[in-house]
Amino acid sequence: MLTFPFPDNLPTNSEQVNAIKELMDKLCINKATFIGISYGTLLAQLFTKNFPEYVDKLVLISGAGLTSETKLSLKKYKFIFKLSIISAKILPFKLVRKMIIKKSIKNLTNRNETKQKKSLIEFSVNKLYKDCSKETVMNMGYLLLNLFGSENCQSTDFDFLDSKTLLIFPENDFFPKEAQIALLNLMKNPEVIWIESGAHGDPLFDDNYLKIIEVFLNRG
């Protein structure tokens, strides 16, 4: 498994996918399975559209299709993304970080969460953003805004991944149903799993997701 620090100096999604391709070339990785959660599902789609020869399988969790339907369903968030950039620029960053942590915990949980799980989520989110920089927050805002101007994906972009895509949707997701269906419609014969009562942040804390992914990947 290959991971790398979030790059603060690449403000567009095209630059992000080009950087991933360059990293794979540098490490002599010809083809890989891409596992994306939330924003990562959109980035994985954009990478696949541009560099299909590098993609073996896709595992997309808590995701949305990179389509006009999704962009329309998320239109109200454009103001929030712009506001996050402005806030990071002009407000004391300690205050901004506190606001982000509070909002993130809300997005990652649901009303049925156990005390133990909620405590784990709160601990993990606080740890994640402890060393988060102002530049990282601003760049994430720019990347989310840039998605609205990114080229839409078409179902033909994923025809070569027939039966080689796993989609996992938690019931209580951040993305609206229209965005989830848009992703479903892009893929050719995907394996689809709906997690009853699941929340957007569950993949980060629930080992059952790892078991589902392991079974899918071991099918060859």
Protein backbone atom coordinates (compact mmCIF):
# COMPACT_ATOMS: atom_id res chain seq x y z
CA MET A 1 0.00 0.00 0.00
CA LEU A 2 1.34 3.43 -0.99
CA THR A 3 0.41 6.65 0.83
CA PHE A 4 2.02 10.07 0.88
CA PRO A 5 1.62 13.42 2.68
CA PHE A 6 -1.08 15.71 1.37
CA PRO A 7 0.65 18.18 -1.01
CA ASP A 8 -0.10 21.79 -0.09
CA ASN A 9 1.34 23.26 -3.28
CA LEU A 10 -1.00 21.68 -5.87
CA PRO A 11 -4.19 23.79 -5.95
CA THR A 12 -5.95 21.97 -8.84
CA ASN A 13 -7.15 18.40 -9.13
CA SER A 14 -5.42 18.00 -12.50
CA GLU A 15 -2.12 18.78 -10.80
CA GLN A 16 -2.96 16.25 -8.09
CA VAL A 17 -3.57 13.40 -10.53
CA ASN A 18 -0.49 14.32 -12.57
CA ALA A 19 1.57 14.21 -9.38
CA ILE A 20 0.23 10.74 -8.56
CA LYS A 21 1.14 9.55 -12.05
CA GLU A 22 4.65 11.02 -11.74
CA LEU A 23 5.08 9.31 -8.36
CA MET A 24 4.04 5.95 -9.83
CA ASP A 25 6.49 6.42 -12.70
CA LYS A 26 9.27 7.32 -10.27
CA LEU A 27 8.60 4.17 -8.24
CA CYS A 28 8.17 2.02 -11.38
CA ILE A 29 4.58 1.12 -10.49
CA ASN A 30 2.85 0.26 -13.76
CA LYS A 31 -0.64 -0.43 -12.44
CA ALA A 32 -2.42 -0.19 -9.09
CA THR A 33 -5.72 -0.55 -7.27
CA PHE A 34 -6.98 2.84 -6.15
CA ILE A 35 -8.89 3.06 -2.87
CA GLY A 36 -10.63 6.39 -2.28
CA ILE A 37 -12.81 7.71 0.51
CA SER A 38 -15.00 10.83 0.14
CA TYR A 39 -12.99 13.42 -1.86
CA GLY A 40 -10.60 10.59 -2.71
CA THR A 41 -13.33 8.87 -4.75
CA LEU A 42 -13.60 11.92 -7.00
CA LEU A 43 -9.83 12.16 -7.38
CA ALA A 44 -9.65 8.44 -8.24
CA GLN A 45 -12.25 8.94 -10.97
CA LEU A 46 -10.33 11.87 -12.44
CA PHE A 47 -7.11 9.85 -12.38
CA THR A 48 -8.82 6.92 -14.10
CA LYS A 49 -10.26 9.19 -16.77
CA ASN A 50 -6.81 10.63 -17.55
CA PHE A 51 -4.58 7.60 -17.00
CA PRO A 52 -6.66 4.41 -17.42
CA GLU A 53 -3.60 2.31 -18.22
CA TYR A 54 -2.40 2.79 -14.63
CA VAL A 55 -5.62 1.50 -13.02
CA ASP A 56 -6.27 -2.15 -12.19
CA LYS A 57 -9.26 -1.85 -9.84
CA LEU A 58 -11.23 0.82 -7.97
CA VAL A 59 -12.55 0.75 -4.42
CA LEU A 60 -14.69 3.83 -3.79
CA ILE A 61 -16.13 4.41 -0.32
CA SER A 62 -18.57 7.14 0.75
CA GLY A 63 -18.28 8.61 -2.69
CA ALA A 64 -20.03 10.51 -5.46
CA GLY A 65 -19.82 10.51 -9.24
CA LEU A 66 -17.81 13.26 -10.88
CA THR A 67 -20.80 14.35 -12.97
CA SER A 68 -23.01 17.36 -13.56
CA GLU A 69 -25.68 15.76 -11.32
CA THR A 70 -23.29 15.63 -8.39
CA LYS A 71 -22.06 19.17 -8.94
CA LEU A 72 -25.66 20.40 -8.96
CA SER A 73 -26.49 18.50 -5.76
CA LEU A 74 -23.42 20.02 -4.02
CA LYS A 75 -23.86 23.54 -5.39
CA LYS A 76 -24.81 24.95 -1.97
CA TYR A 77 -21.39 23.91 -0.63
CA LYS A 78 -19.49 26.20 -3.01
CA PHE A 79 -20.11 29.11 -0.64
CA ILE A 80 -18.89 27.01 2.31
CA PHE A 81 -15.68 26.08 0.48
CA LYS A 82 -15.04 29.74 -0.37
CA LEU A 83 -15.78 30.71 3.20
CA SER A 84 -13.28 28.16 4.52
CA ILE A 85 -10.53 29.72 2.38
CA ILE A 86 -11.38 33.25 3.47
CA SER A 87 -11.64 32.19 7.13
CA ALA A 88 -8.22 30.53 7.00
CA LYS A 89 -6.78 33.71 5.50
CA ILE A 90 -8.15 36.30 7.91
CA LEU A 91 -9.06 34.55 11.19
CA PRO A 92 -6.66 33.26 13.86
CA PHE A 93 -5.87 29.75 12.67
CA LYS A 94 -6.44 28.20 16.10
CA LEU A 95 -10.07 29.31 15.84
CA VAL A 96 -10.36 28.01 12.27
CA ARG A 97 -8.91 24.63 13.30
CA LYS A 98 -11.40 24.40 16.16
CA MET A 99 -14.30 25.10 13.78
CA ILE A 100 -13.06 22.47 11.30
CA ILE A 101 -12.70 19.84 14.02
CA LYS A 102 -16.24 20.48 15.27
CA LYS A 103 -17.70 20.29 11.75
CA SER A 104 -15.67 17.19 10.86
CA ILE A 105 -16.85 15.30 13.95
CA LYS A 106 -20.45 16.17 13.05
CA ASN A 107 -19.97 14.92 9.45
CA LEU A 108 -18.32 11.69 10.59
CA THR A 109 -20.92 10.59 13.11
CA ASN A 110 -24.61 9.81 13.31
CA ARG A 111 -27.18 9.84 16.12
CA ASN A 112 -26.87 6.10 16.77
CA GLU A 113 -23.15 6.24 17.59
CA THR A 114 -22.03 4.50 20.77
CA LYS A 115 -20.16 6.59 23.36
CA GLN A 116 -17.03 4.55 22.76
CA LYS A 117 -17.10 5.05 19.00
CA LYS A 118 -17.89 8.76 19.30
CA SER A 119 -14.93 9.17 21.69
CA LEU A 120 -12.68 7.38 19.19
CA ILE A 121 -13.85 9.64 16.36
CA GLU A 122 -13.31 12.78 18.44
CA PHE A 123 -9.83 11.62 19.47
CA SER A 124 -8.87 10.71 15.87
CA VAL A 125 -10.16 13.96 14.36
CA ASN A 126 -8.37 16.06 16.98
CA LYS A 127 -5.16 14.13 16.34
CA LEU A 128 -5.55 14.48 12.57
CA TYR A 129 -5.92 18.27 12.71
CA LYS A 130 -3.45 18.87 15.55
CA ASP A 131 -0.61 19.68 13.15
CA CYS A 132 -2.79 20.76 10.23
CA SER A 133 -1.43 23.95 8.68
CA LYS A 134 -3.22 27.00 7.38
CA GLU A 135 -1.84 26.21 3.92
CA THR A 136 -3.35 22.70 3.97
CA VAL A 137 -6.81 24.01 4.86
CA MET A 138 -6.68 26.67 2.15
CA ASN A 139 -5.44 24.23 -0.47
CA MET A 140 -8.19 21.74 0.38
CA GLY A 141 -10.70 24.54 -0.12
CA TYR A 142 -9.19 25.36 -3.52
CA LEU A 143 -9.29 21.68 -4.56
CA LEU A 144 -12.94 21.28 -3.57
CA LEU A 145 -13.87 24.42 -5.48
CA ASN A 146 -11.83 23.23 -8.45
CA LEU A 147 -13.97 20.08 -8.66
CA PHE A 148 -16.88 22.18 -9.92
CA GLY A 149 -14.76 23.21 -12.91
CA SER A 150 -13.25 19.77 -13.53
CA GLU A 151 -14.25 17.82 -16.62
CA ASN A 152 -17.14 15.45 -15.97
CA CYS A 153 -16.60 11.71 -16.15
CA GLN A 154 -18.58 9.51 -18.54
CA SER A 155 -19.53 5.86 -18.14
CA THR A 156 -17.29 5.01 -21.12
CA ASP A 157 -14.28 6.16 -19.04
CA PHE A 158 -14.78 3.08 -16.85
CA ASP A 159 -15.88 0.42 -19.36
CA PHE A 160 -12.48 -1.28 -19.08
CA LEU A 161 -13.13 -1.83 -15.34
CA ASP A 162 -16.06 -4.18 -15.98
CA SER A 163 -16.72 -6.00 -12.65
CA LYS A 164 -13.50 -4.54 -11.22
CA THR A 165 -15.03 -1.79 -9.08
CA LEU A 166 -16.26 -1.95 -5.50
CA LEU A 167 -18.64 0.75 -4.28
CA ILE A 168 -19.43 1.05 -0.56
CA PHE A 169 -22.16 3.47 0.50
CA PRO A 170 -23.01 4.16 4.15
CA GLU A 171 -26.69 4.91 4.70
CA ASN A 172 -26.04 8.22 6.49
CA ASP A 173 -23.51 9.68 4.09
CA PHE A 174 -22.36 13.25 3.53
CA PHE A 175 -23.15 12.96 -0.18
CA PRO A 176 -26.83 13.10 -1.22
CA LYS A 177 -28.49 10.15 -2.94
CA GLU A 178 -28.29 11.85 -6.34
CA ALA A 179 -24.50 11.98 -6.08
CA GLN A 180 -24.31 8.34 -4.98
CA ILE A 181 -26.52 7.19 -7.88
CA ALA A 182 -24.39 9.26 -10.26
CA LEU A 183 -21.34 7.24 -9.17
CA LEU A 184 -23.24 3.97 -9.45
CA ASN A 185 -24.31 4.82 -13.00
CA LEU A 186 -20.74 5.58 -14.08
CA MET A 187 -19.40 2.12 -13.28
CA LYS A 188 -19.85 -1.05 -15.35
CA ASN A 189 -21.15 -4.00 -13.31
CA PRO A 190 -19.72 -2.81 -10.01
CA GLU A 191 -20.03 -4.69 -6.74
CA VAL A 192 -22.21 -2.45 -4.57
CA ILE A 193 -22.58 -2.64 -0.81
CA TRP A 194 -24.94 -0.42 1.18
CA ILE A 195 -24.07 -0.20 4.87
CA GLU A 196 -27.24 0.10 6.93
CA SER A 197 -27.00 2.91 9.52
CA GLY A 198 -23.42 3.59 8.41
CA ALA A 199 -21.95 7.08 8.62
CA HIS A 200 -19.52 8.98 6.39
CA GLY A 201 -16.58 8.41 8.74
CA ASP A 202 -17.15 4.71 9.39
CA PRO A 203 -14.40 3.44 7.03
CA LEU A 204 -11.84 5.15 9.26
CA PHE A 205 -12.98 3.32 12.39
CA ASP A 206 -14.79 0.13 11.36
CA ASP A 207 -12.71 -2.97 10.54
CA ASN A 208 -15.65 -4.50 8.68
CA TYR A 209 -14.89 -2.19 5.76
CA LEU A 210 -11.36 -3.61 5.56
CA LYS A 211 -12.74 -7.15 5.50
CA ILE A 212 -15.11 -6.28 2.65
CA ILE A 213 -12.25 -4.72 0.66
CA GLU A 214 -9.95 -7.67 1.35
CA VAL A 215 -12.52 -10.15 0.01
CA PHE A 216 -13.00 -8.06 -3.14
CA LEU A 217 -9.27 -7.70 -3.82
CA ASN A 218 -8.56 -11.39 -3.27
CA ARG A 219 -10.95 -12.41 -6.04
CA GLY A 220 -8.23 -11.76 -8.57
